[in-house]
């Protein structure tokens, strides 16, 4: 389990439950904002481009909306950090190189 060092994650109740269940604990460095910057950016996009624009009336409609969004995000939305390619393009084009190694 990887968390930041917030008090809810460092409490004896939380860490004890993890340890009792054989779950290893990993915490980001104190004040190390870089540790989660890519995931934080992803969730910002999800919230502003999908969640805040739709008033889901059920869990199933939220799941369907998020499924649709992630298919768009990975398959059709170009990313500036990926030289205007989609994550799918970058990932699947690198597979032959990985498999050949």
PDB file of N, CA and C in Angstrom:
ATOM      1  N   UNK A   1       0.857  -1.163   0.000  1.00  0.00           N
ATOM      2  CA  UNK A   1       0.000   0.000   0.000  1.00  0.00           C
ATOM      3  C   UNK A   1       0.902   1.223   0.000  1.00  0.00           C
ATOM      4  N   UNK A   2       0.756   2.076  -1.013  1.00  0.00           N
ATOM      5  CA  UNK A   2       1.548   3.299  -1.099  1.00  0.00           C
ATOM      6  C   UNK A   2       0.651   4.484  -0.776  1.00  0.00           C
ATOM      7  N   UNK A   3       1.067   5.291   0.191  1.00  0.00           N
ATOM      8  CA  UNK A   3       0.307   6.471   0.588  1.00  0.00           C
ATOM      9  C   UNK A   3       1.264   7.625   0.817  1.00  0.00           C
ATOM     10  N   UNK A   4       0.679   8.778   1.081  1.00  0.00           N
ATOM     11  CA  UNK A   4       1.512   9.882   1.547  1.00  0.00           C
ATOM     12  C   UNK A   4       1.620   9.750   3.072  1.00  0.00           C
ATOM     13  N   UNK A   5       2.182  10.751   3.722  1.00  0.00           N
ATOM     14  CA  UNK A   5       2.391  10.661   5.162  1.00  0.00           C
ATOM     15  C   UNK A   5       1.332  11.396   5.960  1.00  0.00           C
ATOM     16  N   UNK A   6       0.126  11.467   5.407  1.00  0.00           N
ATOM     17  CA  UNK A   6      -0.976  12.096   6.135  1.00  0.00           C
ATOM     18  C   UNK A   6      -1.292  11.340   7.411  1.00  0.00           C
ATOM     19  N   UNK A   7      -1.848  12.040   8.385  1.00  0.00           N
ATOM     20  CA  UNK A   7      -2.105  11.426   9.690  1.00  0.00           C
ATOM     21  C   UNK A   7      -3.055  10.239   9.602  1.00  0.00           C
ATOM     22  N   UNK A   8      -3.978  10.263   8.621  1.00  0.00           N
ATOM     23  CA  UNK A   8      -4.898   9.127   8.492  1.00  0.00           C
ATOM     24  C   UNK A   8      -4.169   7.867   8.039  1.00  0.00           C
ATOM     25  N   UNK A   9      -3.024   8.027   7.375  1.00  0.00           N
ATOM     26  CA  UNK A   9      -2.273   6.872   6.883  1.00  0.00           C
ATOM     27  C   UNK A   9      -1.157   6.439   7.821  1.00  0.00           C
ATOM     28  N   UNK A  10      -0.798   7.280   8.785  1.00  0.00           N
ATOM     29  CA  UNK A  10       0.275   6.930   9.716  1.00  0.00           C
ATOM     30  C   UNK A  10      -0.266   6.514  11.082  1.00  0.00           C
ATOM     31  N   UNK A  11      -1.577   6.551  11.239  1.00  0.00           N
ATOM     32  CA  UNK A  11      -2.162   6.183  12.531  1.00  0.00           C
ATOM     33  C   UNK A  11      -1.931   4.701  12.818  1.00  0.00           C
ATOM     34  N   UNK A  12      -1.867   4.373  14.081  1.00  0.00           N
ATOM     35  CA  UNK A  12      -1.683   2.978  14.500  1.00  0.00           C
ATOM     36  C   UNK A  12      -2.833   2.109  14.010  1.00  0.00           C
ATOM     37  N   UNK A  13      -4.039   2.639  13.997  1.00  0.00           N
ATOM     38  CA  UNK A  13      -5.192   1.862  13.546  1.00  0.00           C
ATOM     39  C   UNK A  13      -5.006   1.440  12.089  1.00  0.00           C
ATOM     40  N   UNK A  14      -4.626   2.382  11.226  1.00  0.00           N
ATOM     41  CA  UNK A  14      -4.468   2.094   9.803  1.00  0.00           C
ATOM     42  C   UNK A  14      -3.265   1.189   9.544  1.00  0.00           C
ATOM     43  N   UNK A  15      -2.110   1.574  10.079  1.00  0.00           N
ATOM     44  CA  UNK A  15      -0.905   0.778   9.817  1.00  0.00           C
ATOM     45  C   UNK A  15      -1.010  -0.602  10.468  1.00  0.00           C
ATOM     46  N   UNK A  16      -1.642  -0.680  11.627  1.00  0.00           N
ATOM     47  CA  UNK A  16      -1.822  -1.971  12.289  1.00  0.00           C
ATOM     48  C   UNK A  16      -2.681  -2.916  11.466  1.00  0.00           C
ATOM     49  N   UNK A  17      -3.748  -2.400  10.869  1.00  0.00           N
ATOM     50  CA  UNK A  17      -4.621  -3.216  10.028  1.00  0.00           C
ATOM     51  C   UNK A  17      -3.868  -3.760   8.822  1.00  0.00           C
ATOM     52  N   UNK A  18      -3.042  -2.909   8.210  1.00  0.00           N
ATOM     53  CA  UNK A  18      -2.243  -3.365   7.074  1.00  0.00           C
ATOM     54  C   UNK A  18      -1.281  -4.466   7.502  1.00  0.00           C
ATOM     55  N   UNK A  19      -0.572  -4.229   8.592  1.00  0.00           N
ATOM     56  CA  UNK A  19       0.409  -5.212   9.063  1.00  0.00           C
ATOM     57  C   UNK A  19      -0.256  -6.532   9.427  1.00  0.00           C
ATOM     58  N   UNK A  20      -1.411  -6.472  10.085  1.00  0.00           N
ATOM     59  CA  UNK A  20      -2.135  -7.688  10.467  1.00  0.00           C
ATOM     60  C   UNK A  20      -2.512  -8.525   9.245  1.00  0.00           C
ATOM     61  N   UNK A  21      -2.695  -7.879   8.107  1.00  0.00           N
ATOM     62  CA  UNK A  21      -3.095  -8.578   6.891  1.00  0.00           C
ATOM     63  C   UNK A  21      -1.931  -8.828   5.939  1.00  0.00           C
ATOM     64  N   UNK A  22      -0.723  -8.632   6.432  1.00  0.00           N
ATOM     65  CA  UNK A  22       0.463  -8.931   5.633  1.00  0.00           C
ATOM     66  C   UNK A  22       0.683  -7.970   4.477  1.00  0.00           C
ATOM     67  N   UNK A  23       0.176  -6.756   4.600  1.00  0.00           N
ATOM     68  CA  UNK A  23       0.312  -5.769   3.526  1.00  0.00           C
ATOM     69  C   UNK A  23       1.503  -4.871   3.838  1.00  0.00           C
ATOM     70  N   UNK A  24       2.438  -4.812   2.895  1.00  0.00           N
ATOM     71  CA  UNK A  24       3.615  -3.959   3.075  1.00  0.00           C
ATOM     72  C   UNK A  24       3.220  -2.490   2.931  1.00  0.00           C
ATOM     73  N   UNK A  25       3.882  -1.646   3.674  1.00  0.00           N
ATOM     74  CA  UNK A  25       3.579  -0.217   3.684  1.00  0.00           C
ATOM     75  C   UNK A  25       4.699   0.544   2.994  1.00  0.00           C
ATOM     76  N   UNK A  26       4.325   1.421   2.062  1.00  0.00           N
ATOM     77  CA  UNK A  26       5.274   2.285   1.376  1.00  0.00           C
ATOM     78  C   UNK A  26       4.719   3.698   1.450  1.00  0.00           C
ATOM     79  N   UNK A  27       5.543   4.619   1.918  1.00  0.00           N
ATOM     80  CA  UNK A  27       5.092   6.006   2.019  1.00  0.00           C
ATOM     81  C   UNK A  27       6.005   6.911   1.220  1.00  0.00           C
ATOM     82  N   UNK A  28       5.378   7.877   0.569  1.00  0.00           N
ATOM     83  CA  UNK A  28       6.138   8.872  -0.178  1.00  0.00           C
ATOM     84  C   UNK A  28       6.975   9.683   0.795  1.00  0.00           C
ATOM     85  N   UNK A  29       8.054  10.228   0.292  1.00  0.00           N
ATOM     86  CA  UNK A  29       8.898  11.071   1.124  1.00  0.00           C
ATOM     87  C   UNK A  29       8.153  12.307   1.590  1.00  0.00           C
ATOM     88  N   UNK A  30       8.476  12.773   2.749  1.00  0.00           N
ATOM     89  CA  UNK A  30       7.810  13.943   3.306  1.00  0.00           C
ATOM     90  C   UNK A  30       8.003  15.136   2.376  1.00  0.00           C
ATOM     91  N   UNK A  31       6.900  15.726   1.949  1.00  0.00           N
ATOM     92  CA  UNK A  31       6.939  16.887   1.073  1.00  0.00           C
ATOM     93  C   UNK A  31       7.365  16.572  -0.347  1.00  0.00           C
ATOM     94  N   UNK A  32       7.378  15.303  -0.725  1.00  0.00           N
ATOM     95  CA  UNK A  32       7.821  14.907  -2.066  1.00  0.00           C
ATOM     96  C   UNK A  32       6.633  14.908  -3.027  1.00  0.00           C
ATOM     97  N   UNK A  33       6.225  16.071  -3.469  1.00  0.00           N
ATOM     98  CA  UNK A  33       5.072  16.214  -4.356  1.00  0.00           C
ATOM     99  C   UNK A  33       5.284  15.476  -5.674  1.00  0.00           C
ATOM    100  N   UNK A  34       6.539  15.297  -6.070  1.00  0.00           N
ATOM    101  CA  UNK A  34       6.839  14.650  -7.354  1.00  0.00           C
ATOM    102  C   UNK A  34       6.415  13.196  -7.395  1.00  0.00           C
ATOM    103  N   UNK A  35       6.285  12.557  -6.240  1.00  0.00           N
ATOM    104  CA  UNK A  35       5.993  11.130  -6.202  1.00  0.00           C
ATOM    105  C   UNK A  35       4.697  10.767  -6.920  1.00  0.00           C
ATOM    106  N   UNK A  36       3.709  11.625  -6.862  1.00  0.00           N
ATOM    107  CA  UNK A  36       2.409  11.305  -7.444  1.00  0.00           C
ATOM    108  C   UNK A  36       1.968  12.281  -8.515  1.00  0.00           C
ATOM    109  N   UNK A  37       2.875  13.067  -9.063  1.00  0.00           N
ATOM    110  CA  UNK A  37       2.480  14.136  -9.962  1.00  0.00           C
ATOM    111  C   UNK A  37       1.745  13.627 -11.198  1.00  0.00           C
ATOM    112  N   UNK A  38       2.141  12.488 -11.757  1.00  0.00           N
ATOM    113  CA  UNK A  38       1.480  11.996 -12.962  1.00  0.00           C
ATOM    114  C   UNK A  38       0.075  11.480 -12.656  1.00  0.00           C
ATOM    115  N   UNK A  39      -0.076  10.791 -11.539  1.00  0.00           N
ATOM    116  CA  UNK A  39      -1.398  10.293 -11.161  1.00  0.00           C
ATOM    117  C   UNK A  39      -2.310  11.454 -10.785  1.00  0.00           C
ATOM    118  N   UNK A  40      -1.773  12.440 -10.079  1.00  0.00           N
ATOM    119  CA  UNK A  40      -2.576  13.609  -9.720  1.00  0.00           C
ATOM    120  C   UNK A  40      -3.054  14.333 -10.973  1.00  0.00           C
ATOM    121  N   UNK A  41      -2.202  14.445 -11.967  1.00  0.00           N
ATOM    122  CA  UNK A  41      -2.575  15.098 -13.226  1.00  0.00           C
ATOM    123  C   UNK A  41      -3.652  14.302 -13.958  1.00  0.00           C
ATOM    124  N   UNK A  42      -3.523  12.979 -13.943  1.00  0.00           N
ATOM    125  CA  UNK A  42      -4.542  12.130 -14.551  1.00  0.00           C
ATOM    126  C   UNK A  42      -5.898  12.375 -13.895  1.00  0.00           C
ATOM    127  N   UNK A  43      -5.948  12.327 -12.560  1.00  0.00           N
ATOM    128  CA  UNK A  43      -7.234  12.492 -11.878  1.00  0.00           C
ATOM    129  C   UNK A  43      -7.795  13.891 -12.059  1.00  0.00           C
ATOM    130  N   UNK A  44      -6.942  14.893 -12.212  1.00  0.00           N
ATOM    131  CA  UNK A  44      -7.448  16.231 -12.523  1.00  0.00           C
ATOM    132  C   UNK A  44      -8.165  16.213 -13.862  1.00  0.00           C
ATOM    133  N   UNK A  45      -7.556  15.569 -14.866  1.00  0.00           N
ATOM    134  CA  UNK A  45      -8.184  15.468 -16.183  1.00  0.00           C
ATOM    135  C   UNK A  45      -9.503  14.716 -16.100  1.00  0.00           C
ATOM    136  N   UNK A  46      -9.518  13.604 -15.385  1.00  0.00           N
ATOM    137  CA  UNK A  46     -10.743  12.809 -15.253  1.00  0.00           C
ATOM    138  C   UNK A  46     -11.858  13.656 -14.643  1.00  0.00           C
ATOM    139  N   UNK A  47     -11.531  14.382 -13.585  1.00  0.00           N
ATOM    140  CA  UNK A  47     -12.559  15.179 -12.911  1.00  0.00           C
ATOM    141  C   UNK A  47     -13.099  16.285 -13.805  1.00  0.00           C
ATOM    142  N   UNK A  48     -12.202  17.058 -14.418  1.00  0.00           N
ATOM    143  CA  UNK A  48     -12.648  18.217 -15.184  1.00  0.00           C
ATOM    144  C   UNK A  48     -13.196  17.871 -16.563  1.00  0.00           C
ATOM    145  N   UNK A  49     -12.733  16.796 -17.165  1.00  0.00           N
ATOM    146  CA  UNK A  49     -13.184  16.440 -18.513  1.00  0.00           C
ATOM    147  C   UNK A  49     -14.330  15.438 -18.515  1.00  0.00           C
ATOM    148  N   UNK A  50     -14.601  14.801 -17.377  1.00  0.00           N
ATOM    149  CA  UNK A  50     -15.664  13.787 -17.344  1.00  0.00           C
ATOM    150  C   UNK A  50     -16.596  13.959 -16.150  1.00  0.00           C
ATOM    151  N   UNK A  51     -16.083  13.784 -14.958  1.00  0.00           N
ATOM    152  CA  UNK A  51     -16.929  13.690 -13.778  1.00  0.00           C
ATOM    153  C   UNK A  51     -17.739  14.961 -13.539  1.00  0.00           C
ATOM    154  N   UNK A  52     -17.089  16.131 -13.568  1.00  0.00           N
ATOM    155  CA  UNK A  52     -17.800  17.372 -13.279  1.00  0.00           C
ATOM    156  C   UNK A  52     -18.795  17.754 -14.374  1.00  0.00           C
ATOM    157  N   UNK A  53     -18.670  17.170 -15.549  1.00  0.00           N
ATOM    158  CA  UNK A  53     -19.566  17.500 -16.664  1.00  0.00           C
ATOM    159  C   UNK A  53     -20.816  16.627 -16.697  1.00  0.00           C
ATOM    160  N   UNK A  54     -20.822  15.558 -15.909  1.00  0.00           N
ATOM    161  CA  UNK A  54     -21.956  14.624 -15.930  1.00  0.00           C
ATOM    162  C   UNK A  54     -22.519  14.441 -14.526  1.00  0.00           C
ATOM    163  N   UNK A  55     -23.813  14.442 -14.446  1.00  0.00           N
ATOM    164  CA  UNK A  55     -24.471  14.191 -13.161  1.00  0.00           C
ATOM    165  C   UNK A  55     -24.928  12.735 -13.168  1.00  0.00           C
ATOM    166  N   UNK A  56     -24.045  11.849 -12.773  1.00  0.00           N
ATOM    167  CA  UNK A  56     -24.374  10.428 -12.783  1.00  0.00           C
ATOM    168  C   UNK A  56     -25.538  10.170 -11.836  1.00  0.00           C
ATOM    169  N   UNK A  57     -26.486   9.381 -12.287  1.00  0.00           N
ATOM    170  CA  UNK A  57     -27.631   9.067 -11.435  1.00  0.00           C
ATOM    171  C   UNK A  57     -27.523   7.694 -10.783  1.00  0.00           C
ATOM    172  N   UNK A  58     -26.450   6.988 -11.090  1.00  0.00           N
ATOM    173  CA  UNK A  58     -26.244   5.672 -10.474  1.00  0.00           C
ATOM    174  C   UNK A  58     -24.772   5.286 -10.583  1.00  0.00           C
ATOM    175  N   UNK A  59     -24.401   4.293  -9.824  1.00  0.00           N
ATOM    176  CA  UNK A  59     -23.035   3.778  -9.886  1.00  0.00           C
ATOM    177  C   UNK A  59     -22.766   3.197 -11.269  1.00  0.00           C
ATOM    178  N   UNK A  60     -23.754   2.508 -11.829  1.00  0.00           N
ATOM    179  CA  UNK A  60     -23.542   1.897 -13.147  1.00  0.00           C
ATOM    180  C   UNK A  60     -23.343   2.956 -14.227  1.00  0.00           C
ATOM    181  N   UNK A  61     -24.040   4.090 -14.137  1.00  0.00           N
ATOM    182  CA  UNK A  61     -23.815   5.140 -15.144  1.00  0.00           C
ATOM    183  C   UNK A  61     -22.455   5.803 -14.937  1.00  0.00           C
ATOM    184  N   UNK A  62     -22.001   5.916 -13.698  1.00  0.00           N
ATOM    185  CA  UNK A  62     -20.655   6.447 -13.434  1.00  0.00           C
ATOM    186  C   UNK A  62     -19.604   5.506 -13.999  1.00  0.00           C
ATOM    187  N   UNK A  63     -19.775   4.215 -13.786  1.00  0.00           N
ATOM    188  CA  UNK A  63     -18.831   3.239 -14.337  1.00  0.00           C
ATOM    189  C   UNK A  63     -18.789   3.317 -15.857  1.00  0.00           C
ATOM    190  N   UNK A  64     -19.960   3.396 -16.465  1.00  0.00           N
ATOM    191  CA  UNK A  64     -20.019   3.470 -17.933  1.00  0.00           C
ATOM    192  C   UNK A  64     -19.352   4.752 -18.432  1.00  0.00           C
ATOM    193  N   UNK A  65     -19.612   5.865 -17.760  1.00  0.00           N
ATOM    194  CA  UNK A  65     -19.005   7.134 -18.152  1.00  0.00           C
ATOM    195  C   UNK A  65     -17.495   7.113 -18.008  1.00  0.00           C
ATOM    196  N   UNK A  66     -17.013   6.564 -16.910  1.00  0.00           N
ATOM    197  CA  UNK A  66     -15.566   6.489 -16.705  1.00  0.00           C
ATOM    198  C   UNK A  66     -14.913   5.515 -17.671  1.00  0.00           C
ATOM    199  N   UNK A  67     -15.588   4.417 -17.980  1.00  0.00           N
ATOM    200  CA  UNK A  67     -15.067   3.481 -18.974  1.00  0.00           C
ATOM    201  C   UNK A  67     -14.935   4.177 -20.330  1.00  0.00           C
ATOM    202  N   UNK A  68     -15.968   4.892 -20.714  1.00  0.00           N
ATOM    203  CA  UNK A  68     -15.947   5.630 -21.980  1.00  0.00           C
ATOM    204  C   UNK A  68     -14.821   6.660 -21.983  1.00  0.00           C
ATOM    205  N   UNK A  69     -14.664   7.384 -20.873  1.00  0.00           N
ATOM    206  CA  UNK A  69     -13.630   8.415 -20.794  1.00  0.00           C
ATOM    207  C   UNK A  69     -12.235   7.811 -20.896  1.00  0.00           C
ATOM    208  N   UNK A  70     -11.965   6.725 -20.167  1.00  0.00           N
ATOM    209  CA  UNK A  70     -10.625   6.145 -20.207  1.00  0.00           C
ATOM    210  C   UNK A  70     -10.301   5.550 -21.569  1.00  0.00           C
ATOM    211  N   UNK A  71     -11.307   5.040 -22.261  1.00  0.00           N
ATOM    212  CA  UNK A  71     -11.071   4.572 -23.633  1.00  0.00           C
ATOM    213  C   UNK A  71     -10.676   5.760 -24.523  1.00  0.00           C
ATOM    214  N   UNK A  72     -11.358   6.879 -24.343  1.00  0.00           N
ATOM    215  CA  UNK A  72     -11.023   8.109 -25.073  1.00  0.00           C
ATOM    216  C   UNK A  72      -9.631   8.603 -24.675  1.00  0.00           C
ATOM    217  N   UNK A  73      -9.375   8.682 -23.383  1.00  0.00           N
ATOM    218  CA  UNK A  73      -8.119   9.212 -22.852  1.00  0.00           C
ATOM    219  C   UNK A  73      -6.925   8.412 -23.364  1.00  0.00           C
ATOM    220  N   UNK A  74      -7.052   7.098 -23.370  1.00  0.00           N
ATOM    221  CA  UNK A  74      -5.941   6.241 -23.784  1.00  0.00           C
ATOM    222  C   UNK A  74      -5.859   6.026 -25.284  1.00  0.00           C
ATOM    223  N   UNK A  75      -6.990   6.039 -25.973  1.00  0.00           N
ATOM    224  CA  UNK A  75      -7.004   5.659 -27.377  1.00  0.00           C
ATOM    225  C   UNK A  75      -7.148   6.769 -28.393  1.00  0.00           C
ATOM    226  N   UNK A  76      -7.745   7.905 -27.995  1.00  0.00           N
ATOM    227  CA  UNK A  76      -8.001   8.942 -28.988  1.00  0.00           C
ATOM    228  C   UNK A  76      -7.489  10.333 -28.604  1.00  0.00           C
ATOM    229  N   UNK A  77      -7.207  10.571 -27.335  1.00  0.00           N
ATOM    230  CA  UNK A  77      -6.799  11.903 -26.878  1.00  0.00           C
ATOM    231  C   UNK A  77      -5.284  12.033 -26.968  1.00  0.00           C
ATOM    232  N   UNK A  78      -4.775  12.897 -27.879  1.00  0.00           N
ATOM    233  CA  UNK A  78      -3.322  13.089 -27.952  1.00  0.00           C
ATOM    234  C   UNK A  78      -2.815  13.811 -26.698  1.00  0.00           C
ATOM    235  N   UNK A  79      -1.609  13.469 -26.292  1.00  0.00           N
ATOM    236  CA  UNK A  79      -1.013  14.051 -25.091  1.00  0.00           C
ATOM    237  C   UNK A  79       0.245  14.822 -25.480  1.00  0.00           C
ATOM    238  N   UNK A  80       0.341  16.057 -25.018  1.00  0.00           N
ATOM    239  CA  UNK A  80       1.519  16.869 -25.351  1.00  0.00           C
ATOM    240  C   UNK A  80       2.792  16.241 -24.803  1.00  0.00           C
ATOM    241  N   UNK A  81       2.699  15.601 -23.642  1.00  0.00           N
ATOM    242  CA  UNK A  81       3.887  14.977 -23.051  1.00  0.00           C
ATOM    243  C   UNK A  81       4.328  13.724 -23.808  1.00  0.00           C
ATOM    244  N   UNK A  82       3.479  13.235 -24.716  1.00  0.00           N
ATOM    245  CA  UNK A  82       3.808  12.059 -25.516  1.00  0.00           C
ATOM    246  C   UNK A  82       3.998  12.433 -26.985  1.00  0.00           C
ATOM    247  N   UNK A  83       4.402  13.672 -27.215  1.00  0.00           N
ATOM    248  CA  UNK A  83       4.633  14.159 -28.576  1.00  0.00           C
ATOM    249  C   UNK A  83       3.373  14.024 -29.433  1.00  0.00           C
ATOM    250  N   UNK A  84       2.238  14.404 -28.843  1.00  0.00           N
ATOM    251  CA  UNK A  84       0.920  14.407 -29.504  1.00  0.00           C
ATOM    252  C   UNK A  84       0.442  13.009 -29.897  1.00  0.00           C
ATOM    253  N   UNK A  85       0.965  11.984 -29.247  1.00  0.00           N
ATOM    254  CA  UNK A  85       0.484  10.622 -29.452  1.00  0.00           C
ATOM    255  C   UNK A  85      -0.453  10.260 -28.305  1.00  0.00           C
ATOM    256  N   UNK A  86      -1.206   9.183 -28.488  1.00  0.00           N
ATOM    257  CA  UNK A  86      -2.044   8.689 -27.404  1.00  0.00           C
ATOM    258  C   UNK A  86      -1.238   7.707 -26.555  1.00  0.00           C
ATOM    259  N   UNK A  87      -1.647   7.484 -25.315  1.00  0.00           N
ATOM    260  CA  UNK A  87      -0.959   6.466 -24.512  1.00  0.00           C
ATOM    261  C   UNK A  87      -0.966   5.094 -25.186  1.00  0.00           C
ATOM    262  N   UNK A  88      -2.070   4.731 -25.829  1.00  0.00           N
ATOM    263  CA  UNK A  88      -2.119   3.442 -26.524  1.00  0.00           C
ATOM    264  C   UNK A  88      -1.059   3.368 -27.623  1.00  0.00           C
ATOM    265  N   UNK A  89      -0.898   4.434 -28.386  1.00  0.00           N
ATOM    266  CA  UNK A  89       0.106   4.421 -29.455  1.00  0.00           C
ATOM    267  C   UNK A  89       1.501   4.206 -28.879  1.00  0.00           C
ATOM    268  N   UNK A  90       1.823   4.940 -27.854  1.00  0.00           N
ATOM    269  CA  UNK A  90       3.154   4.836 -27.253  1.00  0.00           C
ATOM    270  C   UNK A  90       3.372   3.440 -26.683  1.00  0.00           C
ATOM    271  N   UNK A  91       2.377   2.924 -25.975  1.00  0.00           N
ATOM    272  CA  UNK A  91       2.527   1.616 -25.340  1.00  0.00           C
ATOM    273  C   UNK A  91       2.608   0.500 -26.378  1.00  0.00           C
ATOM    274  N   UNK A  92       1.645   0.445 -27.280  1.00  0.00           N
ATOM    275  CA  UNK A  92       1.599  -0.683 -28.209  1.00  0.00           C
ATOM    276  C   UNK A  92       2.710  -0.632 -29.257  1.00  0.00           C
ATOM    277  N   UNK A  93       3.190   0.546 -29.593  1.00  0.00           N
ATOM    278  CA  UNK A  93       4.311   0.632 -30.532  1.00  0.00           C
ATOM    279  C   UNK A  93       5.622   0.192 -29.880  1.00  0.00           C
ATOM    280  N   UNK A  94       5.698   0.252 -28.558  1.00  0.00           N
ATOM    281  CA  UNK A  94       6.929  -0.165 -27.879  1.00  0.00           C
ATOM    282  C   UNK A  94       6.945  -1.668 -27.602  1.00  0.00           C
ATOM    283  N   UNK A  95       5.808  -2.348 -27.710  1.00  0.00           N
ATOM    284  CA  UNK A  95       5.762  -3.779 -27.408  1.00  0.00           C
ATOM    285  C   UNK A  95       6.709  -4.620 -28.255  1.00  0.00           C
ATOM    286  N   UNK A  96       6.763  -4.454 -29.594  1.00  0.00           N
ATOM    287  CA  UNK A  96       7.692  -5.286 -30.362  1.00  0.00           C
ATOM    288  C   UNK A  96       9.134  -5.150 -29.881  1.00  0.00           C
ATOM    289  N   UNK A  97       9.539  -3.953 -29.492  1.00  0.00           N
ATOM    290  CA  UNK A  97      10.895  -3.739 -29.003  1.00  0.00           C
ATOM    291  C   UNK A  97      11.096  -4.467 -27.675  1.00  0.00           C
ATOM    292  N   UNK A  98      10.096  -4.426 -26.824  1.00  0.00           N
ATOM    293  CA  UNK A  98      10.196  -5.089 -25.521  1.00  0.00           C
ATOM    294  C   UNK A  98      10.229  -6.601 -25.707  1.00  0.00           C
ATOM    295  N   UNK A  99       9.354  -7.128 -26.564  1.00  0.00           N
ATOM    296  CA  UNK A  99       9.295  -8.561 -26.792  1.00  0.00           C
ATOM    297  C   UNK A  99      10.551  -9.095 -27.468  1.00  0.00           C
ATOM    298  N   UNK A 100      11.183  -8.265 -28.294  1.00  0.00           N
ATOM    299  CA  UNK A 100      12.389  -8.689 -28.987  1.00  0.00           C
ATOM    300  C   UNK A 100      13.595  -8.747 -28.067  1.00  0.00           C
ATOM    301  N   UNK A 101      13.550  -8.009 -26.979  1.00  0.00           N
ATOM    302  CA  UNK A 101      14.698  -7.950 -26.053  1.00  0.00           C
ATOM    303  C   UNK A 101      14.926  -9.207 -25.279  1.00  0.00           C
TER     304      UNK A 101
END
